[in-house]
Amino acid sequence: MFRAVFAALLLQRPVLGVLNGVVLSPRDTRSLVKLSSTFLHLSGEATCGGVFIAPNAVLTAAHCVIDENLQ
């Protein structure tokens, strides 16, 4: 079973677009945001997406704002 799954992963082609997506107008995306974070132990920036859930609050994934390497 492992060999079959591994072979399938090796032979698949990357998807070069969005499947079953829909075109949105700028009005439909006005609550989406881009978050850029810089962590001291990483070079460059980490970029994540989020969505406004209140005028002053953004919902995003925890790994976008929490540095798991800090103790």
PDB file of N, CA and C in Angstrom:
ATOM      1  N   MET A   1       0.829  -1.200   0.000  1.00  0.00           N
ATOM      2  CA  MET A   1       0.000   0.000   0.000  1.00  0.00           C
ATOM      3  C   MET A   1       0.868   1.256   0.000  1.00  0.00           C
ATOM      4  N   PHE A   2       1.907   1.262   0.846  1.00  0.00           N
ATOM      5  CA  PHE A   2       2.792   2.426   0.921  1.00  0.00           C
ATOM      6  C   PHE A   2       3.431   2.701  -0.429  1.00  0.00           C
ATOM      7  N   ARG A   3       3.876   1.640  -1.108  1.00  0.00           N
ATOM      8  CA  ARG A   3       4.521   1.809  -2.415  1.00  0.00           C
ATOM      9  C   ARG A   3       3.573   2.437  -3.425  1.00  0.00           C
ATOM     10  N   ALA A   4       2.331   2.018  -3.414  1.00  0.00           N
ATOM     11  CA  ALA A   4       1.348   2.556  -4.362  1.00  0.00           C
ATOM     12  C   ALA A   4       1.102   4.038  -4.103  1.00  0.00           C
ATOM     13  N   VAL A   5       0.945   4.407  -2.843  1.00  0.00           N
ATOM     14  CA  VAL A   5       0.714   5.816  -2.501  1.00  0.00           C
ATOM     15  C   VAL A   5       1.950   6.642  -2.836  1.00  0.00           C
ATOM     16  N   PHE A   6       3.127   6.139  -2.497  1.00  0.00           N
ATOM     17  CA  PHE A   6       4.372   6.861  -2.774  1.00  0.00           C
ATOM     18  C   PHE A   6       4.560   7.060  -4.278  1.00  0.00           C
ATOM     19  N   ALA A   7       4.298   6.010  -5.058  1.00  0.00           N
ATOM     20  CA  ALA A   7       4.430   6.113  -6.515  1.00  0.00           C
ATOM     21  C   ALA A   7       3.430   7.122  -7.080  1.00  0.00           C
ATOM     22  N   ALA A   8       2.219   7.112  -6.568  1.00  0.00           N
ATOM     23  CA  ALA A   8       1.204   8.061  -7.040  1.00  0.00           C
ATOM     24  C   ALA A   8       1.628   9.493  -6.736  1.00  0.00           C
ATOM     25  N   LEU A   9       2.206   9.709  -5.571  1.00  0.00           N
ATOM     26  CA  LEU A   9       2.662  11.059  -5.218  1.00  0.00           C
ATOM     27  C   LEU A   9       3.809  11.509  -6.108  1.00  0.00           C
ATOM     28  N   LEU A  10       4.701  10.612  -6.437  1.00  0.00           N
ATOM     29  CA  LEU A  10       5.831  10.954  -7.301  1.00  0.00           C
ATOM     30  C   LEU A  10       5.403  11.264  -8.726  1.00  0.00           C
ATOM     31  N   LEU A  11       4.383  10.576  -9.206  1.00  0.00           N
ATOM     32  CA  LEU A  11       3.974  10.702 -10.605  1.00  0.00           C
ATOM     33  C   LEU A  11       2.940  11.790 -10.862  1.00  0.00           C
ATOM     34  N   GLN A  12       2.357  12.342  -9.826  1.00  0.00           N
ATOM     35  CA  GLN A  12       1.318  13.345 -10.059  1.00  0.00           C
ATOM     36  C   GLN A  12       1.932  14.662 -10.526  1.00  0.00           C
ATOM     37  N   ARG A  13       1.178  15.382 -11.289  1.00  0.00           N
ATOM     38  CA  ARG A  13       1.591  16.695 -11.773  1.00  0.00           C
ATOM     39  C   ARG A  13       1.081  17.765 -10.827  1.00  0.00           C
ATOM     40  N   PRO A  14       1.843  18.841 -10.660  1.00  0.00           N
ATOM     41  CA  PRO A  14       1.335  19.922  -9.806  1.00  0.00           C
ATOM     42  C   PRO A  14       0.132  20.606 -10.452  1.00  0.00           C
ATOM     43  N   VAL A  15      -0.766  21.079  -9.639  1.00  0.00           N
ATOM     44  CA  VAL A  15      -1.927  21.819 -10.128  1.00  0.00           C
ATOM     45  C   VAL A  15      -1.485  23.239 -10.431  1.00  0.00           C
ATOM     46  N   LEU A  16      -1.784  23.704 -11.606  1.00  0.00           N
ATOM     47  CA  LEU A  16      -1.336  25.024 -12.038  1.00  0.00           C
ATOM     48  C   LEU A  16      -2.443  26.063 -11.952  1.00  0.00           C
ATOM     49  N   GLY A  17      -3.454  25.816 -11.170  1.00  0.00           N
ATOM     50  CA  GLY A  17      -4.543  26.762 -11.036  1.00  0.00           C
ATOM     51  C   GLY A  17      -5.460  26.382  -9.892  1.00  0.00           C
ATOM     52  N   VAL A  18      -6.515  27.103  -9.763  1.00  0.00           N
ATOM     53  CA  VAL A  18      -7.517  26.835  -8.745  1.00  0.00           C
ATOM     54  C   VAL A  18      -8.597  25.970  -9.374  1.00  0.00           C
ATOM     55  N   LEU A  19      -8.950  24.889  -8.697  1.00  0.00           N
ATOM     56  CA  LEU A  19      -9.989  23.995  -9.217  1.00  0.00           C
ATOM     57  C   LEU A  19     -11.332  24.342  -8.599  1.00  0.00           C
ATOM     58  N   ASN A  20     -12.344  24.395  -9.409  1.00  0.00           N
ATOM     59  CA  ASN A  20     -13.728  24.655  -8.971  1.00  0.00           C
ATOM     60  C   ASN A  20     -13.861  25.989  -8.228  1.00  0.00           C
ATOM     61  N   GLY A  21     -13.032  26.938  -8.552  1.00  0.00           N
ATOM     62  CA  GLY A  21     -13.108  28.253  -7.916  1.00  0.00           C
ATOM     63  C   GLY A  21     -14.133  29.147  -8.591  1.00  0.00           C
ATOM     64  N   VAL A  22     -14.382  30.270  -7.987  1.00  0.00           N
ATOM     65  CA  VAL A  22     -15.281  31.264  -8.557  1.00  0.00           C
ATOM     66  C   VAL A  22     -14.579  32.613  -8.543  1.00  0.00           C
ATOM     67  N   VAL A  23     -14.902  33.435  -9.510  1.00  0.00           N
ATOM     68  CA  VAL A  23     -14.343  34.777  -9.585  1.00  0.00           C
ATOM     69  C   VAL A  23     -15.091  35.664  -8.592  1.00  0.00           C
ATOM     70  N   LEU A  24     -14.337  36.377  -7.766  1.00  0.00           N
ATOM     71  CA  LEU A  24     -14.937  37.274  -6.785  1.00  0.00           C
ATOM     72  C   LEU A  24     -14.701  38.721  -7.170  1.00  0.00           C
ATOM     73  N   SER A  25     -15.617  39.552  -6.819  1.00  0.00           N
ATOM     74  CA  SER A  25     -15.425  40.986  -7.026  1.00  0.00           C
ATOM     75  C   SER A  25     -14.679  41.546  -5.814  1.00  0.00           C
ATOM     76  N   PRO A  26     -14.057  42.723  -5.950  1.00  0.00           N
ATOM     77  CA  PRO A  26     -13.399  43.335  -4.788  1.00  0.00           C
ATOM     78  C   PRO A  26     -14.358  43.524  -3.608  1.00  0.00           C
ATOM     79  N   ARG A  27     -15.626  43.718  -3.871  1.00  0.00           N
ATOM     80  CA  ARG A  27     -16.615  43.860  -2.795  1.00  0.00           C
ATOM     81  C   ARG A  27     -16.720  42.578  -1.964  1.00  0.00           C
ATOM     82  N   ASP A  28     -16.567  41.413  -2.616  1.00  0.00           N
ATOM     83  CA  ASP A  28     -16.665  40.130  -1.923  1.00  0.00           C
ATOM     84  C   ASP A  28     -15.441  39.822  -1.064  1.00  0.00           C
ATOM     85  N   THR A  29     -14.338  40.499  -1.311  1.00  0.00           N
ATOM     86  CA  THR A  29     -13.097  40.187  -0.603  1.00  0.00           C
ATOM     87  C   THR A  29     -12.655  41.301   0.345  1.00  0.00           C
ATOM     88  N   ARG A  30     -13.511  42.220   0.645  1.00  0.00           N
ATOM     89  CA  ARG A  30     -13.096  43.368   1.447  1.00  0.00           C
ATOM     90  C   ARG A  30     -12.766  43.010   2.894  1.00  0.00           C
ATOM     91  N   SER A  31     -13.171  41.827   3.373  1.00  0.00           N
ATOM     92  CA  SER A  31     -12.845  41.447   4.743  1.00  0.00           C
ATOM     93  C   SER A  31     -11.594  40.571   4.829  1.00  0.00           C
ATOM     94  N   LEU A  32     -10.958  40.256   3.692  1.00  0.00           N
ATOM     95  CA  LEU A  32      -9.735  39.460   3.698  1.00  0.00           C
ATOM     96  C   LEU A  32      -8.523  40.345   3.942  1.00  0.00           C
ATOM     97  N   VAL A  33      -7.546  39.808   4.687  1.00  0.00           N
ATOM     98  CA  VAL A  33      -6.336  40.572   4.973  1.00  0.00           C
ATOM     99  C   VAL A  33      -5.106  39.702   4.743  1.00  0.00           C
ATOM    100  N   LYS A  34      -3.978  40.349   4.532  1.00  0.00           N
ATOM    101  CA  LYS A  34      -2.683  39.682   4.419  1.00  0.00           C
ATOM    102  C   LYS A  34      -1.870  40.063   5.654  1.00  0.00           C
ATOM    103  N   LEU A  35      -1.329  39.060   6.332  1.00  0.00           N
ATOM    104  CA  LEU A  35      -0.507  39.289   7.517  1.00  0.00           C
ATOM    105  C   LEU A  35       0.935  38.935   7.191  1.00  0.00           C
ATOM    106  N   SER A  36       1.854  39.809   7.522  1.00  0.00           N
ATOM    107  CA  SER A  36       3.280  39.537   7.349  1.00  0.00           C
ATOM    108  C   SER A  36       3.942  39.602   8.711  1.00  0.00           C
ATOM    109  N   SER A  37       4.670  38.537   9.059  1.00  0.00           N
ATOM    110  CA  SER A  37       5.344  38.474  10.353  1.00  0.00           C
ATOM    111  C   SER A  37       6.827  38.245  10.141  1.00  0.00           C
ATOM    112  N   THR A  38       7.631  38.809  11.001  1.00  0.00           N
ATOM    113  CA  THR A  38       9.065  38.573  10.989  1.00  0.00           C
ATOM    114  C   THR A  38       9.451  37.970  12.328  1.00  0.00           C
ATOM    115  N   PHE A  39      10.070  36.778  12.294  1.00  0.00           N
ATOM    116  CA  PHE A  39      10.551  36.122  13.508  1.00  0.00           C
ATOM    117  C   PHE A  39      12.066  36.215  13.522  1.00  0.00           C
ATOM    118  N   LEU A  40      12.647  36.424  14.681  1.00  0.00           N
ATOM    119  CA  LEU A  40      14.084  36.656  14.787  1.00  0.00           C
ATOM    120  C   LEU A  40      14.919  35.484  14.275  1.00  0.00           C
ATOM    121  N   HIS A  41      14.473  34.256  14.456  1.00  0.00           N
ATOM    122  CA  HIS A  41      15.265  33.089  14.049  1.00  0.00           C
ATOM    123  C   HIS A  41      15.063  32.711  12.579  1.00  0.00           C
ATOM    124  N   LEU A  42      14.165  33.380  11.877  1.00  0.00           N
ATOM    125  CA  LEU A  42      13.924  33.102  10.469  1.00  0.00           C
ATOM    126  C   LEU A  42      14.421  34.243   9.611  1.00  0.00           C
ATOM    127  N   SER A  43      14.862  33.914   8.418  1.00  0.00           N
ATOM    128  CA  SER A  43      15.214  34.978   7.486  1.00  0.00           C
ATOM    129  C   SER A  43      13.996  35.248   6.616  1.00  0.00           C
ATOM    130  N   GLY A  44      13.725  36.482   6.361  1.00  0.00           N
ATOM    131  CA  GLY A  44      12.572  36.837   5.550  1.00  0.00           C
ATOM    132  C   GLY A  44      11.309  36.953   6.377  1.00  0.00           C
ATOM    133  N   GLU A  45      10.191  36.980   5.675  1.00  0.00           N
ATOM    134  CA  GLU A  45       8.892  37.145   6.321  1.00  0.00           C
ATOM    135  C   GLU A  45       8.026  35.910   6.117  1.00  0.00           C
ATOM    136  N   ALA A  46       7.138  35.694   7.052  1.00  0.00           N
ATOM    137  CA  ALA A  46       6.105  34.681   6.901  1.00  0.00           C
ATOM    138  C   ALA A  46       4.826  35.416   6.535  1.00  0.00           C
ATOM    139  N   THR A  47       4.119  34.924   5.551  1.00  0.00           N
ATOM    140  CA  THR A  47       2.895  35.571   5.102  1.00  0.00           C
ATOM    141  C   THR A  47       1.714  34.626   5.289  1.00  0.00           C
ATOM    142  N   CYS A  48       0.662  35.146   5.860  1.00  0.00           N
ATOM    143  CA  CYS A  48      -0.567  34.381   6.082  1.00  0.00           C
ATOM    144  C   CYS A  48      -1.759  35.226   5.676  1.00  0.00           C
ATOM    145  N   GLY A  49      -2.888  34.578   5.604  1.00  0.00           N
ATOM    146  CA  GLY A  49      -4.129  35.280   5.338  1.00  0.00           C
ATOM    147  C   GLY A  49      -4.985  35.313   6.589  1.00  0.00           C
ATOM    148  N   GLY A  50      -5.960  36.157   6.565  1.00  0.00           N
ATOM    149  CA  GLY A  50      -6.894  36.262   7.675  1.00  0.00           C
ATOM    150  C   GLY A  50      -8.172  36.919   7.196  1.00  0.00           C
ATOM    151  N   VAL A  51      -9.109  37.035   8.107  1.00  0.00           N
ATOM    152  CA  VAL A  51     -10.387  37.654   7.782  1.00  0.00           C
ATOM    153  C   VAL A  51     -10.839  38.492   8.970  1.00  0.00           C
ATOM    154  N   PHE A  52     -11.349  39.672   8.678  1.00  0.00           N
ATOM    155  CA  PHE A  52     -11.892  40.514   9.750  1.00  0.00           C
ATOM    156  C   PHE A  52     -13.137  39.849  10.332  1.00  0.00           C
ATOM    157  N   ILE A  53     -13.177  39.712  11.663  1.00  0.00           N
ATOM    158  CA  ILE A  53     -14.376  39.206  12.327  1.00  0.00           C
ATOM    159  C   ILE A  53     -15.036  40.302  13.156  1.00  0.00           C
ATOM    160  N   ALA A  54     -14.365  41.431  13.268  1.00  0.00           N
ATOM    161  CA  ALA A  54     -14.882  42.630  13.942  1.00  0.00           C
ATOM    162  C   ALA A  54     -14.056  43.790  13.408  1.00  0.00           C
ATOM    163  N   PRO A  55     -14.479  45.021  13.618  1.00  0.00           N
ATOM    164  CA  PRO A  55     -13.725  46.155  13.101  1.00  0.00           C
ATOM    165  C   PRO A  55     -12.261  46.200  13.561  1.00  0.00           C
ATOM    166  N   ASN A  56     -11.964  45.625  14.726  1.00  0.00           N
ATOM    167  CA  ASN A  56     -10.589  45.669  15.234  1.00  0.00           C
ATOM    168  C   ASN A  56     -10.048  44.279  15.561  1.00  0.00           C
ATOM    169  N   ALA A  57     -10.571  43.217  14.913  1.00  0.00           N
ATOM    170  CA  ALA A  57     -10.123  41.850  15.194  1.00  0.00           C
ATOM    171  C   ALA A  57     -10.012  41.049  13.897  1.00  0.00           C
ATOM    172  N   VAL A  58      -8.889  40.313  13.769  1.00  0.00           N
ATOM    173  CA  VAL A  58      -8.633  39.475  12.600  1.00  0.00           C
ATOM    174  C   VAL A  58      -8.500  38.027  13.056  1.00  0.00           C
ATOM    175  N   LEU A  59      -9.157  37.103  12.351  1.00  0.00           N
ATOM    176  CA  LEU A  59      -9.042  35.680  12.623  1.00  0.00           C
ATOM    177  C   LEU A  59      -8.039  35.089  11.640  1.00  0.00           C
ATOM    178  N   THR A  60      -7.029  34.380  12.181  1.00  0.00           N
ATOM    179  CA  THR A  60      -6.013  33.740  11.350  1.00  0.00           C
ATOM    180  C   THR A  60      -5.548  32.477  12.062  1.00  0.00           C
ATOM    181  N   ALA A  61      -4.652  31.743  11.452  1.00  0.00           N
ATOM    182  CA  ALA A  61      -4.101  30.534  12.068  1.00  0.00           C
ATOM    183  C   ALA A  61      -3.091  30.911  13.143  1.00  0.00           C
ATOM    184  N   ALA A  62      -3.018  30.103  14.197  1.00  0.00           N
ATOM    185  CA  ALA A  62      -2.119  30.396  15.320  1.00  0.00           C
ATOM    186  C   ALA A  62      -0.665  30.454  14.884  1.00  0.00           C
ATOM    187  N   HIS A  63      -0.260  29.581  13.950  1.00  0.00           N
ATOM    188  CA  HIS A  63       1.150  29.578  13.557  1.00  0.00           C
ATOM    189  C   HIS A  63       1.556  30.860  12.825  1.00  0.00           C
ATOM    190  N   CYS A  64       0.598  31.673  12.447  1.00  0.00           N
ATOM    191  CA  CYS A  64       0.912  32.938  11.786  1.00  0.00           C
ATOM    192  C   CYS A  64       1.350  34.016  12.772  1.00  0.00           C
ATOM    193  N   VAL A  65       0.990  33.866  14.021  1.00  0.00           N
ATOM    194  CA  VAL A  65       1.275  34.925  14.994  1.00  0.00           C
ATOM    195  C   VAL A  65       2.014  34.443  16.232  1.00  0.00           C
ATOM    196  N   ILE A  66       2.163  33.123  16.398  1.00  0.00           N
ATOM    197  CA  ILE A  66       2.852  32.574  17.565  1.00  0.00           C
ATOM    198  C   ILE A  66       4.122  31.883  17.105  1.00  0.00           C
ATOM    199  N   ASP A  67       5.242  32.259  17.715  1.00  0.00           N
ATOM    200  CA  ASP A  67       6.523  31.634  17.406  1.00  0.00           C
ATOM    201  C   ASP A  67       6.674  30.403  18.286  1.00  0.00           C
ATOM    202  N   GLU A  68       6.502  29.206  17.706  1.00  0.00           N
ATOM    203  CA  GLU A  68       6.550  27.969  18.484  1.00  0.00           C
ATOM    204  C   GLU A  68       7.943  27.653  19.009  1.00  0.00           C
ATOM    205  N   ASN A  69       8.984  28.297  18.477  1.00  0.00           N
ATOM    206  CA  ASN A  69      10.345  28.026  18.923  1.00  0.00           C
ATOM    207  C   ASN A  69      10.717  28.804  20.179  1.00  0.00           C
ATOM    208  N   LEU A  70       9.876  29.733  20.590  1.00  0.00           N
ATOM    209  CA  LEU A  70      10.146  30.478  21.822  1.00  0.00           C
ATOM    210  C   LEU A  70       9.768  29.626  23.022  1.00  0.00           C
ATOM    211  N   GLN A  71      10.550  29.766  24.071  1.00  0.00           N
ATOM    212  CA  GLN A  71      10.257  29.011  25.296  1.00  0.00           C
ATOM    213  C   GLN A  71      10.097  29.942  26.459  1.00  0.00           C
TER     214      GLN A  71
END
